[in-house]
PDB file of N, CA and C in Angstrom:
ATOM      1  N   UNK A   1      -5.426  -3.978 -15.403  1.00  0.00           N
ATOM      2  CA  UNK A   1      -5.687  -4.083 -13.996  1.00  0.00           C
ATOM      3  C   UNK A   1      -4.412  -3.894 -13.183  1.00  0.00           C
ATOM      4  N   UNK A   2      -3.289  -4.325 -13.728  1.00  0.00           N
ATOM      5  CA  UNK A   2      -2.008  -4.178 -13.030  1.00  0.00           C
ATOM      6  C   UNK A   2      -1.704  -2.709 -12.781  1.00  0.00           C
ATOM      7  N   UNK A   3      -2.039  -1.849 -13.738  1.00  0.00           N
ATOM      8  CA  UNK A   3      -1.801  -0.407 -13.568  1.00  0.00           C
ATOM      9  C   UNK A   3      -2.567   0.130 -12.363  1.00  0.00           C
ATOM     10  N   UNK A   4      -3.812  -0.281 -12.196  1.00  0.00           N
ATOM     11  CA  UNK A   4      -4.619   0.162 -11.060  1.00  0.00           C
ATOM     12  C   UNK A   4      -4.012  -0.315  -9.747  1.00  0.00           C
ATOM     13  N   UNK A   5      -3.602  -1.580  -9.696  1.00  0.00           N
ATOM     14  CA  UNK A   5      -2.969  -2.103  -8.486  1.00  0.00           C
ATOM     15  C   UNK A   5      -1.709  -1.325  -8.142  1.00  0.00           C
ATOM     16  N   UNK A   6      -0.896  -1.027  -9.139  1.00  0.00           N
ATOM     17  CA  UNK A   6       0.323  -0.252  -8.908  1.00  0.00           C
ATOM     18  C   UNK A   6      -0.002   1.144  -8.410  1.00  0.00           C
ATOM     19  N   UNK A   7      -1.022   1.755  -8.991  1.00  0.00           N
ATOM     20  CA  UNK A   7      -1.428   3.100  -8.597  1.00  0.00           C
ATOM     21  C   UNK A   7      -1.937   3.126  -7.153  1.00  0.00           C
ATOM     22  N   UNK A   8      -2.701   2.120  -6.777  1.00  0.00           N
ATOM     23  CA  UNK A   8      -3.218   2.049  -5.409  1.00  0.00           C
ATOM     24  C   UNK A   8      -2.084   1.825  -4.409  1.00  0.00           C
ATOM     25  N   UNK A   9      -1.129   0.988  -4.770  1.00  0.00           N
ATOM     26  CA  UNK A   9       0.008   0.713  -3.883  1.00  0.00           C
ATOM     27  C   UNK A   9       0.929   1.912  -3.736  1.00  0.00           C
ATOM     28  N   UNK A  10       1.021   2.744  -4.755  1.00  0.00           N
ATOM     29  CA  UNK A  10       1.973   3.862  -4.733  1.00  0.00           C
ATOM     30  C   UNK A  10       1.390   5.137  -4.107  1.00  0.00           C
ATOM     31  N   UNK A  11       0.100   5.175  -3.807  1.00  0.00           N
ATOM     32  CA  UNK A  11      -0.532   6.371  -3.234  1.00  0.00           C
ATOM     33  C   UNK A  11       0.024   6.636  -1.836  1.00  0.00           C
ATOM     34  N   UNK A  12       0.487   7.871  -1.603  1.00  0.00           N
ATOM     35  CA  UNK A  12       1.088   8.259  -0.326  1.00  0.00           C
ATOM     36  C   UNK A  12       0.453   9.543   0.188  1.00  0.00           C
ATOM     37  N   UNK A  13       0.218   9.596   1.499  1.00  0.00           N
ATOM     38  CA  UNK A  13      -0.402  10.757   2.135  1.00  0.00           C
ATOM     39  C   UNK A  13       0.598  11.902   2.245  1.00  0.00           C
ATOM     40  N   UNK A  14       0.136  13.097   1.892  1.00  0.00           N
ATOM     41  CA  UNK A  14       0.896  14.325   2.105  1.00  0.00           C
ATOM     42  C   UNK A  14       0.339  15.086   3.290  1.00  0.00           C
ATOM     43  N   UNK A  15      -1.011  15.104   3.405  1.00  0.00           N
ATOM     44  CA  UNK A  15      -1.675  15.889   4.440  1.00  0.00           C
ATOM     45  C   UNK A  15      -3.030  15.270   4.766  1.00  0.00           C
ATOM     46  N   UNK A  16      -3.452  15.397   6.023  1.00  0.00           N
ATOM     47  CA  UNK A  16      -4.743  14.888   6.476  1.00  0.00           C
ATOM     48  C   UNK A  16      -5.550  16.061   7.022  1.00  0.00           C
ATOM     49  N   UNK A  17      -6.825  16.145   6.618  1.00  0.00           N
ATOM     50  CA  UNK A  17      -7.750  17.147   7.156  1.00  0.00           C
ATOM     51  C   UNK A  17      -8.943  16.398   7.739  1.00  0.00           C
ATOM     52  N   UNK A  18      -9.342  16.801   8.940  1.00  0.00           N
ATOM     53  CA  UNK A  18     -10.494  16.168   9.579  1.00  0.00           C
ATOM     54  C   UNK A  18     -11.434  17.267  10.057  1.00  0.00           C
ATOM     55  N   UNK A  19     -12.641  17.252   9.505  1.00  0.00           N
ATOM     56  CA  UNK A  19     -13.662  18.200   9.950  1.00  0.00           C
ATOM     57  C   UNK A  19     -14.652  17.443  10.831  1.00  0.00           C
ATOM     58  N   UNK A  20     -15.729  18.084  11.209  1.00  0.00           N
ATOM     59  CA  UNK A  20     -16.750  17.425  12.021  1.00  0.00           C
ATOM     60  C   UNK A  20     -17.456  16.302  11.276  1.00  0.00           C
ATOM     61  N   UNK A  21     -17.405  16.337   9.936  1.00  0.00           N
ATOM     62  CA  UNK A  21     -18.138  15.318   9.181  1.00  0.00           C
ATOM     63  C   UNK A  21     -17.375  14.667   8.030  1.00  0.00           C
ATOM     64  N   UNK A  22     -16.106  15.052   7.813  1.00  0.00           N
ATOM     65  CA  UNK A  22     -15.369  14.530   6.667  1.00  0.00           C
ATOM     66  C   UNK A  22     -13.912  14.260   6.998  1.00  0.00           C
ATOM     67  N   UNK A  23     -13.395  13.159   6.459  1.00  0.00           N
ATOM     68  CA  UNK A  23     -11.965  12.862   6.492  1.00  0.00           C
ATOM     69  C   UNK A  23     -11.448  13.070   5.080  1.00  0.00           C
ATOM     70  N   UNK A  24     -10.499  13.988   4.918  1.00  0.00           N
ATOM     71  CA  UNK A  24      -9.910  14.266   3.614  1.00  0.00           C
ATOM     72  C   UNK A  24      -8.420  13.992   3.679  1.00  0.00           C
ATOM     73  N   UNK A  25      -7.937  13.245   2.699  1.00  0.00           N
ATOM     74  CA  UNK A  25      -6.519  12.931   2.603  1.00  0.00           C
ATOM     75  C   UNK A  25      -6.004  13.508   1.295  1.00  0.00           C
ATOM     76  N   UNK A  26      -4.966  14.335   1.393  1.00  0.00           N
ATOM     77  CA  UNK A  26      -4.302  14.898   0.221  1.00  0.00           C
ATOM     78  C   UNK A  26      -3.070  14.045  -0.052  1.00  0.00           C
ATOM     79  N   UNK A  27      -2.962  13.567  -1.272  1.00  0.00           N
ATOM     80  CA  UNK A  27      -1.874  12.667  -1.634  1.00  0.00           C
ATOM     81  C   UNK A  27      -0.707  13.420  -2.255  1.00  0.00           C
ATOM     82  N   UNK A  28       0.457  12.800  -2.191  1.00  0.00           N
ATOM     83  CA  UNK A  28       1.672  13.421  -2.723  1.00  0.00           C
ATOM     84  C   UNK A  28       1.606  13.652  -4.223  1.00  0.00           C
ATOM     85  N   UNK A  29       0.766  12.867  -4.931  1.00  0.00           N
ATOM     86  CA  UNK A  29       0.659  13.042  -6.385  1.00  0.00           C
ATOM     87  C   UNK A  29      -0.357  14.116  -6.780  1.00  0.00           C
ATOM     88  N   UNK A  30      -0.923  14.818  -5.791  1.00  0.00           N
ATOM     89  CA  UNK A  30      -1.851  15.917  -6.075  1.00  0.00           C
ATOM     90  C   UNK A  30      -3.315  15.569  -5.935  1.00  0.00           C
ATOM     91  N   UNK A  31      -3.643  14.297  -5.856  1.00  0.00           N
ATOM     92  CA  UNK A  31      -5.039  13.905  -5.685  1.00  0.00           C
ATOM     93  C   UNK A  31      -5.468  14.114  -4.239  1.00  0.00           C
ATOM     94  N   UNK A  32      -6.768  14.253  -4.051  1.00  0.00           N
ATOM     95  CA  UNK A  32      -7.371  14.305  -2.723  1.00  0.00           C
ATOM     96  C   UNK A  32      -8.559  13.360  -2.716  1.00  0.00           C
ATOM     97  N   UNK A  33      -8.753  12.703  -1.586  1.00  0.00           N
ATOM     98  CA  UNK A  33      -9.907  11.816  -1.435  1.00  0.00           C
ATOM     99  C   UNK A  33     -10.583  12.161  -0.118  1.00  0.00           C
ATOM    100  N   UNK A  34     -11.909  12.282  -0.170  1.00  0.00           N
ATOM    101  CA  UNK A  34     -12.699  12.608   1.021  1.00  0.00           C
ATOM    102  C   UNK A  34     -13.731  11.522   1.253  1.00  0.00           C
ATOM    103  N   UNK A  35     -13.931  11.195   2.527  1.00  0.00           N
ATOM    104  CA  UNK A  35     -14.923  10.204   2.923  1.00  0.00           C
ATOM    105  C   UNK A  35     -15.717  10.756   4.096  1.00  0.00           C
ATOM    106  N   UNK A  36     -16.991  10.405   4.186  1.00  0.00           N
ATOM    107  CA  UNK A  36     -17.777  10.837   5.336  1.00  0.00           C
ATOM    108  C   UNK A  36     -17.193  10.257   6.617  1.00  0.00           C
ATOM    109  N   UNK A  37     -17.119  11.057   7.646  1.00  0.00           N
ATOM    110  CA  UNK A  37     -16.608  10.581   8.924  1.00  0.00           C
ATOM    111  C   UNK A  37     -17.483   9.457   9.485  1.00  0.00           C
ATOM    112  N   UNK A  38     -18.757   9.431   9.108  1.00  0.00           N
ATOM    113  CA  UNK A  38     -19.655   8.358   9.543  1.00  0.00           C
ATOM    114  C   UNK A  38     -19.179   6.978   9.091  1.00  0.00           C
ATOM    115  N   UNK A  39     -18.332   6.938   8.055  1.00  0.00           N
ATOM    116  CA  UNK A  39     -17.798   5.659   7.595  1.00  0.00           C
ATOM    117  C   UNK A  39     -16.832   5.058   8.601  1.00  0.00           C
ATOM    118  N   UNK A  40     -16.350   5.873   9.524  1.00  0.00           N
ATOM    119  CA  UNK A  40     -15.362   5.441  10.523  1.00  0.00           C
ATOM    120  C   UNK A  40     -15.902   5.815  11.906  1.00  0.00           C
ATOM    121  N   UNK A  41     -16.770   4.979  12.489  1.00  0.00           N
ATOM    122  CA  UNK A  41     -17.463   5.326  13.732  1.00  0.00           C
ATOM    123  C   UNK A  41     -16.551   5.762  14.876  1.00  0.00           C
ATOM    124  N   UNK A  42     -15.404   5.138  15.026  1.00  0.00           N
ATOM    125  CA  UNK A  42     -14.543   5.535  16.143  1.00  0.00           C
ATOM    126  C   UNK A  42     -14.028   6.962  15.955  1.00  0.00           C
ATOM    127  N   UNK A  43     -13.778   7.375  14.722  1.00  0.00           N
ATOM    128  CA  UNK A  43     -13.384   8.761  14.459  1.00  0.00           C
ATOM    129  C   UNK A  43     -14.558   9.707  14.653  1.00  0.00           C
ATOM    130  N   UNK A  44     -15.726   9.296  14.182  1.00  0.00           N
ATOM    131  CA  UNK A  44     -16.910  10.155  14.287  1.00  0.00           C
ATOM    132  C   UNK A  44     -17.278  10.432  15.737  1.00  0.00           C
ATOM    133  N   UNK A  45     -17.080   9.451  16.609  1.00  0.00           N
ATOM    134  CA  UNK A  45     -17.443   9.594  18.018  1.00  0.00           C
ATOM    135  C   UNK A  45     -16.350  10.259  18.853  1.00  0.00           C
ATOM    136  N   UNK A  46     -15.140  10.332  18.322  1.00  0.00           N
ATOM    137  CA  UNK A  46     -13.994  10.839  19.090  1.00  0.00           C
ATOM    138  C   UNK A  46     -14.011  12.361  19.216  1.00  0.00           C
ATOM    139  N   UNK A  47     -13.340  12.839  20.233  1.00  0.00           N
ATOM    140  CA  UNK A  47     -13.187  14.290  20.409  1.00  0.00           C
ATOM    141  C   UNK A  47     -12.260  14.824  19.316  1.00  0.00           C
ATOM    142  N   UNK A  48     -12.368  16.115  19.005  1.00  0.00           N
ATOM    143  CA  UNK A  48     -11.461  16.701  18.012  1.00  0.00           C
ATOM    144  C   UNK A  48      -9.989  16.478  18.370  1.00  0.00           C
ATOM    145  N   UNK A  49      -9.647  16.539  19.644  1.00  0.00           N
ATOM    146  CA  UNK A  49      -8.251  16.333  20.053  1.00  0.00           C
ATOM    147  C   UNK A  49      -7.782  14.926  19.698  1.00  0.00           C
ATOM    148  N   UNK A  50      -8.626  13.923  19.938  1.00  0.00           N
ATOM    149  CA  UNK A  50      -8.251  12.548  19.608  1.00  0.00           C
ATOM    150  C   UNK A  50      -8.215  12.324  18.102  1.00  0.00           C
ATOM    151  N   UNK A  51      -9.114  12.972  17.365  1.00  0.00           N
ATOM    152  CA  UNK A  51      -9.101  12.859  15.896  1.00  0.00           C
ATOM    153  C   UNK A  51      -7.817  13.421  15.307  1.00  0.00           C
ATOM    154  N   UNK A  52      -7.311  14.476  15.915  1.00  0.00           N
ATOM    155  CA  UNK A  52      -6.118  15.134  15.370  1.00  0.00           C
ATOM    156  C   UNK A  52      -4.819  14.546  15.890  1.00  0.00           C
ATOM    157  N   UNK A  53      -4.904  13.541  16.750  1.00  0.00           N
ATOM    158  CA  UNK A  53      -3.711  12.841  17.217  1.00  0.00           C
ATOM    159  C   UNK A  53      -3.526  11.592  16.355  1.00  0.00           C
ATOM    160  N   UNK A  54      -2.900  11.764  15.215  1.00  0.00           N
ATOM    161  CA  UNK A  54      -2.668  10.658  14.285  1.00  0.00           C
ATOM    162  C   UNK A  54      -1.218  10.706  13.819  1.00  0.00           C
ATOM    163  N   UNK A  55      -0.805   9.613  13.199  1.00  0.00           N
ATOM    164  CA  UNK A  55       0.508   9.586  12.557  1.00  0.00           C
ATOM    165  C   UNK A  55       0.400   8.773  11.281  1.00  0.00           C
ATOM    166  N   UNK A  56       1.239   9.102  10.327  1.00  0.00           N
ATOM    167  CA  UNK A  56       1.279   8.346   9.082  1.00  0.00           C
ATOM    168  C   UNK A  56       2.055   7.060   9.319  1.00  0.00           C
ATOM    169  N   UNK A  57       1.588   5.998   8.700  1.00  0.00           N
ATOM    170  CA  UNK A  57       2.249   4.693   8.823  1.00  0.00           C
ATOM    171  C   UNK A  57       2.534   4.145   7.432  1.00  0.00           C
ATOM    172  N   UNK A  58       3.424   3.149   7.367  1.00  0.00           N
ATOM    173  CA  UNK A  58       3.716   2.493   6.092  1.00  0.00           C
ATOM    174  C   UNK A  58       4.212   3.449   5.039  1.00  0.00           C
ATOM    175  N   UNK A  59       5.098   4.356   5.416  1.00  0.00           N
ATOM    176  CA  UNK A  59       5.646   5.333   4.478  1.00  0.00           C
ATOM    177  C   UNK A  59       4.549   6.168   3.826  1.00  0.00           C
ATOM    178  N   UNK A  60       3.469   6.441   4.582  1.00  0.00           N
ATOM    179  CA  UNK A  60       2.383   7.274   4.077  1.00  0.00           C
ATOM    180  C   UNK A  60       1.270   6.520   3.391  1.00  0.00           C
ATOM    181  N   UNK A  61       1.265   5.196   3.484  1.00  0.00           N
ATOM    182  CA  UNK A  61       0.179   4.423   2.859  1.00  0.00           C
ATOM    183  C   UNK A  61      -1.027   4.286   3.765  1.00  0.00           C
ATOM    184  N   UNK A  62      -0.893   4.748   5.014  1.00  0.00           N
ATOM    185  CA  UNK A  62      -1.998   4.663   5.947  1.00  0.00           C
ATOM    186  C   UNK A  62      -1.880   5.696   7.046  1.00  0.00           C
ATOM    187  N   UNK A  63      -2.932   5.757   7.862  1.00  0.00           N
ATOM    188  CA  UNK A  63      -3.006   6.701   8.975  1.00  0.00           C
ATOM    189  C   UNK A  63      -3.383   5.900  10.217  1.00  0.00           C
ATOM    190  N   UNK A  64      -2.717   6.196  11.332  1.00  0.00           N
ATOM    191  CA  UNK A  64      -2.983   5.508  12.595  1.00  0.00           C
ATOM    192  C   UNK A  64      -3.347   6.525  13.663  1.00  0.00           C
ATOM    193  N   UNK A  65      -4.425   6.251  14.411  1.00  0.00           N
ATOM    194  CA  UNK A  65      -4.850   7.059  15.546  1.00  0.00           C
ATOM    195  C   UNK A  65      -4.589   6.240  16.802  1.00  0.00           C
ATOM    196  N   UNK A  66      -3.490   6.502  17.527  1.00  0.00           N
ATOM    197  CA  UNK A  66      -3.144   5.681  18.693  1.00  0.00           C
ATOM    198  C   UNK A  66      -4.177   5.742  19.817  1.00  0.00           C
ATOM    199  N   UNK A  67      -4.793   6.888  20.036  1.00  0.00           N
ATOM    200  CA  UNK A  67      -5.797   7.003  21.098  1.00  0.00           C
ATOM    201  C   UNK A  67      -7.043   6.179  20.803  1.00  0.00           C
ATOM    202  N   UNK A  68      -7.282   5.910  19.527  1.00  0.00           N
ATOM    203  CA  UNK A  68      -8.502   5.211  19.108  1.00  0.00           C
ATOM    204  C   UNK A  68      -8.227   3.794  18.623  1.00  0.00           C
ATOM    205  N   UNK A  69      -6.949   3.434  18.498  1.00  0.00           N
ATOM    206  CA  UNK A  69      -6.548   2.155  17.927  1.00  0.00           C
ATOM    207  C   UNK A  69      -7.221   1.946  16.562  1.00  0.00           C
ATOM    208  N   UNK A  70      -7.153   2.980  15.733  1.00  0.00           N
ATOM    209  CA  UNK A  70      -7.797   2.992  14.416  1.00  0.00           C
ATOM    210  C   UNK A  70      -6.728   3.145  13.347  1.00  0.00           C
ATOM    211  N   UNK A  71      -6.819   2.345  12.296  1.00  0.00           N
ATOM    212  CA  UNK A  71      -5.940   2.452  11.142  1.00  0.00           C
ATOM    213  C   UNK A  71      -6.800   2.531   9.891  1.00  0.00           C
ATOM    214  N   UNK A  72      -6.457   3.462   9.008  1.00  0.00           N
ATOM    215  CA  UNK A  72      -7.169   3.599   7.732  1.00  0.00           C
ATOM    216  C   UNK A  72      -6.115   3.660   6.635  1.00  0.00           C
ATOM    217  N   UNK A  73      -6.301   2.833   5.615  1.00  0.00           N
ATOM    218  CA  UNK A  73      -5.350   2.820   4.505  1.00  0.00           C
ATOM    219  C   UNK A  73      -5.818   3.749   3.385  1.00  0.00           C
ATOM    220  N   UNK A  74      -4.856   4.331   2.702  1.00  0.00           N
ATOM    221  CA  UNK A  74      -5.166   5.157   1.531  1.00  0.00           C
ATOM    222  C   UNK A  74      -5.832   4.289   0.473  1.00  0.00           C
ATOM    223  N   UNK A  75      -5.342   3.084   0.308  1.00  0.00           N
ATOM    224  CA  UNK A  75      -5.912   2.157  -0.684  1.00  0.00           C
ATOM    225  C   UNK A  75      -7.406   1.955  -0.410  1.00  0.00           C
ATOM    226  N   UNK A  76      -7.750   1.699   0.849  1.00  0.00           N
ATOM    227  CA  UNK A  76      -9.154   1.507   1.206  1.00  0.00           C
ATOM    228  C   UNK A  76      -9.998   2.728   0.916  1.00  0.00           C
ATOM    229  N   UNK A  77      -9.452   3.916   1.225  1.00  0.00           N
ATOM    230  CA  UNK A  77     -10.191   5.150   0.943  1.00  0.00           C
ATOM    231  C   UNK A  77     -10.404   5.320  -0.556  1.00  0.00           C
ATOM    232  N   UNK A  78      -9.357   5.067  -1.350  1.00  0.00           N
ATOM    233  CA  UNK A  78      -9.481   5.208  -2.802  1.00  0.00           C
ATOM    234  C   UNK A  78     -10.480   4.219  -3.382  1.00  0.00           C
ATOM    235  N   UNK A  79     -10.615   3.068  -2.737  1.00  0.00           N
ATOM    236  CA  UNK A  79     -11.579   2.058  -3.191  1.00  0.00           C
ATOM    237  C   UNK A  79     -12.973   2.271  -2.603  1.00  0.00           C
ATOM    238  N   UNK A  80     -13.128   3.297  -1.749  1.00  0.00           N
ATOM    239  CA  UNK A  80     -14.432   3.600  -1.176  1.00  0.00           C
ATOM    240  C   UNK A  80     -14.852   2.660  -0.072  1.00  0.00           C
ATOM    241  N   UNK A  81     -13.880   2.082   0.636  1.00  0.00           N
ATOM    242  CA  UNK A  81     -14.193   1.133   1.711  1.00  0.00           C
ATOM    243  C   UNK A  81     -14.329   1.856   3.041  1.00  0.00           C
ATOM    244  N   UNK A  82     -15.368   1.502   3.765  1.00  0.00           N
ATOM    245  CA  UNK A  82     -15.595   2.068   5.094  1.00  0.00           C
ATOM    246  C   UNK A  82     -15.268   1.013   6.144  1.00  0.00           C
ATOM    247  N   UNK A  83     -15.449   1.375   7.398  1.00  0.00           N
ATOM    248  CA  UNK A  83     -15.343   0.423   8.495  1.00  0.00           C
ATOM    249  C   UNK A  83     -16.344  -0.702   8.212  1.00  0.00           C
ATOM    250  N   UNK A  84     -15.973  -1.960   8.476  1.00  0.00           N
ATOM    251  CA  UNK A  84     -16.886  -3.075   8.182  1.00  0.00           C
ATOM    252  C   UNK A  84     -18.209  -3.034   8.942  1.00  0.00           C
ATOM    253  N   UNK A  85     -18.287  -2.251  10.014  1.00  0.00           N
ATOM    254  CA  UNK A  85     -19.540  -2.169  10.769  1.00  0.00           C
ATOM    255  C   UNK A  85     -20.504  -1.153  10.185  1.00  0.00           C
ATOM    256  N   UNK A  86     -20.098  -0.472   9.113  1.00  0.00           N
ATOM    257  CA  UNK A  86     -20.934   0.562   8.507  1.00  0.00           C
ATOM    258  C   UNK A  86     -21.563   0.024   7.232  1.00  0.00           C
ATOM    259  N   UNK A  87     -22.873   0.149   7.167  1.00  0.00           N
ATOM    260  CA  UNK A  87     -23.608  -0.248   5.970  1.00  0.00           C
ATOM    261  C   UNK A  87     -23.682   0.957   5.053  1.00  0.00           C
ATOM    262  N   UNK A  88     -23.005   0.869   3.908  1.00  0.00           N
ATOM    263  CA  UNK A  88     -22.992   1.997   2.983  1.00  0.00           C
ATOM    264  C   UNK A  88     -24.225   1.965   2.096  1.00  0.00           C
ATOM    265  N   UNK A  89     -24.689   3.162   1.777  1.00  0.00           N
ATOM    266  CA  UNK A  89     -25.789   3.322   0.834  1.00  0.00           C
ATOM    267  C   UNK A  89     -25.259   4.144  -0.320  1.00  0.00           C
ATOM    268  N   UNK A  90     -26.080   4.399  -1.309  1.00  0.00           N
ATOM    269  CA  UNK A  90     -25.635   5.233  -2.411  1.00  0.00           C
ATOM    270  C   UNK A  90     -25.509   6.685  -1.990  1.00  0.00           C
ATOM    271  N   UNK A  91     -26.160   7.052  -0.894  1.00  0.00           N
ATOM    272  CA  UNK A  91     -26.061   8.415  -0.351  1.00  0.00           C
ATOM    273  C   UNK A  91     -25.267   8.367   0.937  1.00  0.00           C
ATOM    274  N   UNK A  92     -24.007   8.902   0.941  1.00  0.00           N
ATOM    275  CA  UNK A  92     -23.175   8.832   2.142  1.00  0.00           C
ATOM    276  C   UNK A  92     -23.824   9.433   3.376  1.00  0.00           C
ATOM    277  N   UNK A  93     -24.766  10.372   3.190  1.00  0.00           N
ATOM    278  CA  UNK A  93     -25.449  10.975   4.334  1.00  0.00           C
ATOM    279  C   UNK A  93     -26.386   9.987   5.013  1.00  0.00           C
ATOM    280  N   UNK A  94     -26.698   8.879   4.323  1.00  0.00           N
ATOM    281  CA  UNK A  94     -27.587   7.868   4.866  1.00  0.00           C
ATOM    282  C   UNK A  94     -26.843   6.673   5.437  1.00  0.00           C
ATOM    283  N   UNK A  95     -25.510   6.742   5.545  1.00  0.00           N
ATOM    284  CA  UNK A  95     -24.736   5.612   6.077  1.00  0.00           C
ATOM    285  C   UNK A  95     -25.158   5.344   7.512  1.00  0.00           C
ATOM    286  N   UNK A  96     -25.333   4.063   7.823  1.00  0.00           N
ATOM    287  CA  UNK A  96     -25.728   3.704   9.176  1.00  0.00           C
ATOM    288  C   UNK A  96     -24.760   2.664   9.723  1.00  0.00           C
ATOM    289  N   UNK A  97     -24.629   2.647  11.018  1.00  0.00           N
ATOM    290  CA  UNK A  97     -23.755   1.660  11.662  1.00  0.00           C
ATOM    291  C   UNK A  97     -24.555   0.403  11.919  1.00  0.00           C
ATOM    292  N   UNK A  98     -23.940  -0.728  11.611  1.00  0.00           N
ATOM    293  CA  UNK A  98     -24.576  -2.016  11.786  1.00  0.00           C
ATOM    294  C   UNK A  98     -24.017  -2.628  13.069  1.00  0.00           C
ATOM    295  N   UNK A  99     -24.888  -3.057  13.950  1.00  0.00           N
ATOM    296  CA  UNK A  99     -24.436  -3.709  15.191  1.00  0.00           C
ATOM    297  C   UNK A  99     -23.998  -5.121  14.880  1.00  0.00           C
ATOM    298  N   UNK A 100     -22.874  -5.515  15.490  1.00  0.00           N
ATOM    299  CA  UNK A 100     -22.384  -6.893  15.281  1.00  0.00           C
ATOM    300  C   UNK A 100     -22.220  -7.597  16.599  1.00  0.00           C
TER     301      UNK A 100
END
């Protein structure tokens, strides 16, 4: 288990791609992880200009969108974690936002 924790802590962003429906992060070690944009409602609702206004934080361990006050960690993406307001299903196309 220690190896997994070390691997999650050492993951660093090299490049970010944002499409109309997917957030993809390319890591410095060659891996890529993609998540449905629906998992992050503030990103899904934002204009393309606001989605593309981000900066890497924590030496590449996370991404921050200042216009949206949104932070997403690489660790969370690798673990398949979405925004807490999103109810995940086994089919990412069926993800729904939960009102709180």
